[in-house]
Protein backbone atom coordinates (compact mmCIF):
# COMPACT_ATOMS: atom_id res chain seq x y z
CA MET A 1 4.29 -12.27 7.19
CA ARG A 2 6.58 -14.35 5.03
CA MET A 3 5.67 -15.06 1.43
CA THR A 4 4.40 -18.51 0.64
CA ARG A 5 4.25 -20.31 -2.67
CA SER A 6 1.76 -22.92 -3.65
CA VAL A 7 2.94 -26.04 -5.43
CA ALA A 8 1.74 -24.51 -8.69
CA GLY A 9 4.24 -21.63 -8.32
CA ARG A 10 1.71 -18.90 -7.60
CA GLN A 11 3.11 -16.24 -5.30
CA ARG A 12 1.04 -14.88 -2.45
CA GLY A 13 1.40 -11.33 -1.25
CA LEU A 14 1.72 -10.01 2.26
CA ALA A 15 -1.05 -9.96 4.84
CA PRO A 16 -2.97 -6.70 5.07
CA VAL A 17 -1.98 -4.25 7.78
CA TRP A 18 -5.08 -2.47 9.04
CA GLY A 19 -7.45 -2.14 11.94
CA ALA A 20 -10.74 -0.72 13.09
CA ASP A 21 -9.24 2.79 13.20
CA THR A 22 -7.72 2.72 9.69
CA ARG A 23 -8.90 5.77 7.76
CA VAL A 24 -6.41 5.70 4.87
CA LEU A 25 -5.47 2.51 3.05
CA VAL A 26 -2.40 2.55 0.80
CA LEU A 27 -2.50 -0.13 -1.88
CA GLY A 28 0.55 -1.13 -3.85
CA SER A 29 0.41 -3.46 -6.84
CA PHE A 30 2.22 -6.60 -5.62
CA PRO A 31 5.33 -6.80 -3.40
CA GLY A 32 8.70 -6.96 -5.11
CA VAL A 33 11.22 -9.71 -4.56
CA ALA A 34 12.95 -7.86 -1.69
CA SER A 35 9.65 -7.27 0.11
CA LEU A 36 8.48 -10.85 -0.35
CA ALA A 37 11.81 -12.23 0.86
CA ALA A 38 11.78 -9.97 3.94
CA GLY A 39 8.05 -10.40 4.55
CA GLN A 40 7.81 -6.61 4.74
CA TYR A 41 6.01 -3.93 2.78
CA TYR A 42 8.38 -1.59 0.91
CA ALA A 43 11.52 -3.46 2.00
CA HIS A 44 13.70 -2.33 -0.92
CA PRO A 45 16.14 0.14 0.66
CA ARG A 46 15.71 2.70 -2.13
CA ASN A 47 11.90 2.71 -2.09
CA HIS A 48 10.65 6.14 -1.06
CA PHE A 49 7.59 4.90 0.84
CA TRP A 50 8.92 4.98 4.41
CA PRO A 51 10.78 8.32 4.12
CA LEU A 52 7.79 9.87 2.35
CA MET A 53 5.23 8.68 4.91
CA GLY A 54 7.57 9.64 7.74
CA GLU A 55 7.73 13.18 6.41
CA LEU A 56 3.97 13.42 5.88
CA LEU A 57 3.09 12.00 9.29
CA ARG A 58 6.00 13.74 11.05
CA LEU A 59 7.26 10.40 12.35
CA PRO A 60 10.82 8.97 12.19
CA LEU A 61 9.66 5.93 10.20
CA PRO A 62 12.96 5.21 8.37
CA ALA A 63 14.82 5.00 11.69
CA LEU A 64 12.38 2.50 13.23
CA THR A 65 12.31 -1.28 13.04
CA TYR A 66 9.71 -2.71 10.68
CA ASP A 67 7.37 -3.67 13.53
CA GLN A 68 7.71 -0.17 14.99
CA ARG A 69 6.97 1.33 11.57
CA LEU A 70 3.78 -0.69 11.26
CA HIS A 71 2.73 0.24 14.78
CA ALA A 72 3.34 3.94 14.09
CA LEU A 73 1.57 3.78 10.74
CA THR A 74 -1.52 2.03 12.06
CA GLY A 75 -1.51 4.30 15.10
CA ALA A 76 -1.73 7.24 12.69
CA GLY A 77 -4.72 5.62 10.94
CA VAL A 78 -2.89 4.29 7.87
CA GLY A 79 -3.15 0.72 6.60
CA LEU A 80 -1.26 -1.19 3.90
CA TRP A 81 -2.22 -3.84 1.42
CA ASP A 82 -1.91 -4.57 -2.29
CA THR A 83 -4.40 -4.57 -5.13
CA ILE A 84 -3.05 -7.95 -6.25
CA VAL A 85 -2.92 -10.56 -3.48
CA GLY A 86 -1.59 -13.42 -5.57
CA CYS A 87 -0.08 -13.94 -9.01
CA ARG A 88 2.62 -15.57 -11.10
CA ARG A 89 5.65 -13.39 -11.66
CA GLU A 90 9.36 -13.72 -12.28
CA GLY A 91 11.33 -10.84 -10.75
CA SER A 92 9.84 -7.64 -9.37
CA LEU A 93 8.49 -5.81 -12.41
CA ASP A 94 4.76 -5.14 -12.43
CA GLY A 95 4.79 -5.80 -16.18
CA ALA A 96 5.71 -9.42 -15.46
CA ILE A 97 2.60 -10.09 -13.34
CA ARG A 98 0.47 -12.92 -14.74
CA GLU A 99 -2.81 -14.42 -13.55
CA PRO A 100 -3.49 -11.79 -10.88
CA VAL A 101 -5.84 -12.44 -7.98
CA TRP A 102 -7.33 -9.12 -6.89
CA GLY A 103 -7.86 -7.96 -3.31
CA ASP A 104 -11.45 -7.60 -2.15
CA PRO A 105 -12.68 -4.12 -1.14
CA ALA A 106 -15.38 -5.73 1.01
CA ALA A 107 -12.67 -7.34 3.17
CA ALA A 108 -11.08 -3.94 3.74
CA LEU A 109 -14.40 -2.33 4.63
CA ALA A 110 -15.21 -5.12 7.07
CA ALA A 111 -11.84 -4.80 8.81
CA ALA A 112 -11.62 -1.01 8.62
CA PRO A 113 -15.12 0.47 8.96
CA LYS A 114 -13.75 4.05 9.29
CA LEU A 115 -11.97 3.84 5.94
CA ALA A 116 -12.17 7.27 4.30
CA LEU A 117 -9.68 7.05 1.43
CA VAL A 118 -7.99 4.34 -0.63
CA CYS A 119 -4.70 5.46 -2.18
CA PHE A 120 -3.05 3.62 -5.05
CA ASN A 121 0.75 3.61 -5.02
CA GLY A 122 1.58 3.78 -8.71
CA ARG A 123 0.00 3.17 -12.08
CA THR A 124 -0.31 -0.63 -11.84
CA ALA A 125 -2.03 -0.43 -8.46
CA ALA A 126 -4.38 2.25 -9.84
CA ARG A 127 -5.74 -0.23 -12.40
CA ALA A 128 -7.86 -1.55 -9.52
CA LEU A 129 -9.24 1.92 -8.71
CA PRO A 130 -12.65 1.35 -10.35
CA ARG A 131 -13.40 -1.74 -8.25
CA TRP A 132 -12.67 0.20 -5.04
CA ARG A 133 -14.60 3.27 -6.20
CA ASP A 134 -17.53 1.02 -7.20
CA ALA A 135 -17.50 -0.33 -3.63
CA GLY A 136 -18.33 3.22 -2.51
CA LEU A 137 -14.87 4.30 -1.41
CA ALA A 138 -13.08 7.57 -2.10
CA THR A 139 -9.98 6.82 -4.19
CA LEU A 140 -6.77 8.58 -5.11
CA ALA A 141 -4.12 7.51 -7.64
CA LEU A 142 -0.62 8.60 -6.59
CA PRO A 143 2.85 8.47 -8.14
CA SER A 144 4.77 5.32 -7.34
CA THR A 145 7.23 5.38 -4.45
CA SER A 146 9.39 2.87 -6.33
CA PRO A 147 12.94 3.99 -7.11
CA ALA A 148 12.26 2.85 -10.68
CA TYR A 149 9.77 5.72 -11.02
CA THR A 150 12.13 8.65 -11.48
CA LEU A 151 9.87 11.52 -10.42
CA PRO A 152 11.88 13.51 -7.86
CA LEU A 153 11.11 12.76 -4.22
CA ALA A 154 9.94 16.36 -3.63
CA ALA A 155 7.31 15.97 -6.38
CA LYS A 156 6.19 12.62 -4.99
CA LEU A 157 5.90 14.16 -1.53
CA GLU A 158 3.74 17.01 -2.82
CA ALA A 159 1.38 14.60 -4.59
CA TRP A 160 1.16 12.32 -1.56
CA ARG A 161 0.06 15.15 0.78
CA ALA A 162 -3.53 14.46 -0.28
CA ALA A 163 -3.20 10.93 1.12
CA VAL A 164 -3.00 12.16 4.70
CA ALA A 165 -5.80 14.75 4.46
CA PRO A 166 -8.44 12.37 5.94
CA LEU A 167 -6.22 11.84 8.97
CA ARG A 168 -6.75 15.46 9.96
CA GLY A 169 -10.55 15.27 9.95
CA ASN A 170 -13.23 13.02 11.34
CA GLY A 171 -15.71 10.85 9.60
CA ARG A 172 -15.81 8.98 6.38
CA GLN A 173 -15.53 10.58 2.96
CA ARG A 174 -17.27 8.95 0.04
């Protein structure tokens, strides 16, 4: 899952993590430098994503290896991807993203036919919400798990509870 660069300097994001049983898809904006270098979603050690999802799913995600985290996440019905799959950017700030290439909702639906909810991790990711909603998917904008977003972890956790609601039921919500 390592990042690749084209000769023109365009960065490519990480491969999607999903499967036929994915019911909730969490979309970030575009991986930061630490995540791209590691080839891992939410690799920055201060990002709240793994502790937050671990708490919500009642899984020890922060204590697991990355591969074990992905296995546990997908086993729980959660997939990962980004709204922007390629761009030009210096550093990790979303505000520095130039020439974005957007992810395709049809690709997610084809790979994850049980998809019930698409969650957007932060304000920049949520800019793509209309394209996913227009594809017929239920959508939810959530506060960013980035350490740069200073909302307390307890408040983030409370907001993110809605992300796991479809994992408790059956069927597809639209």
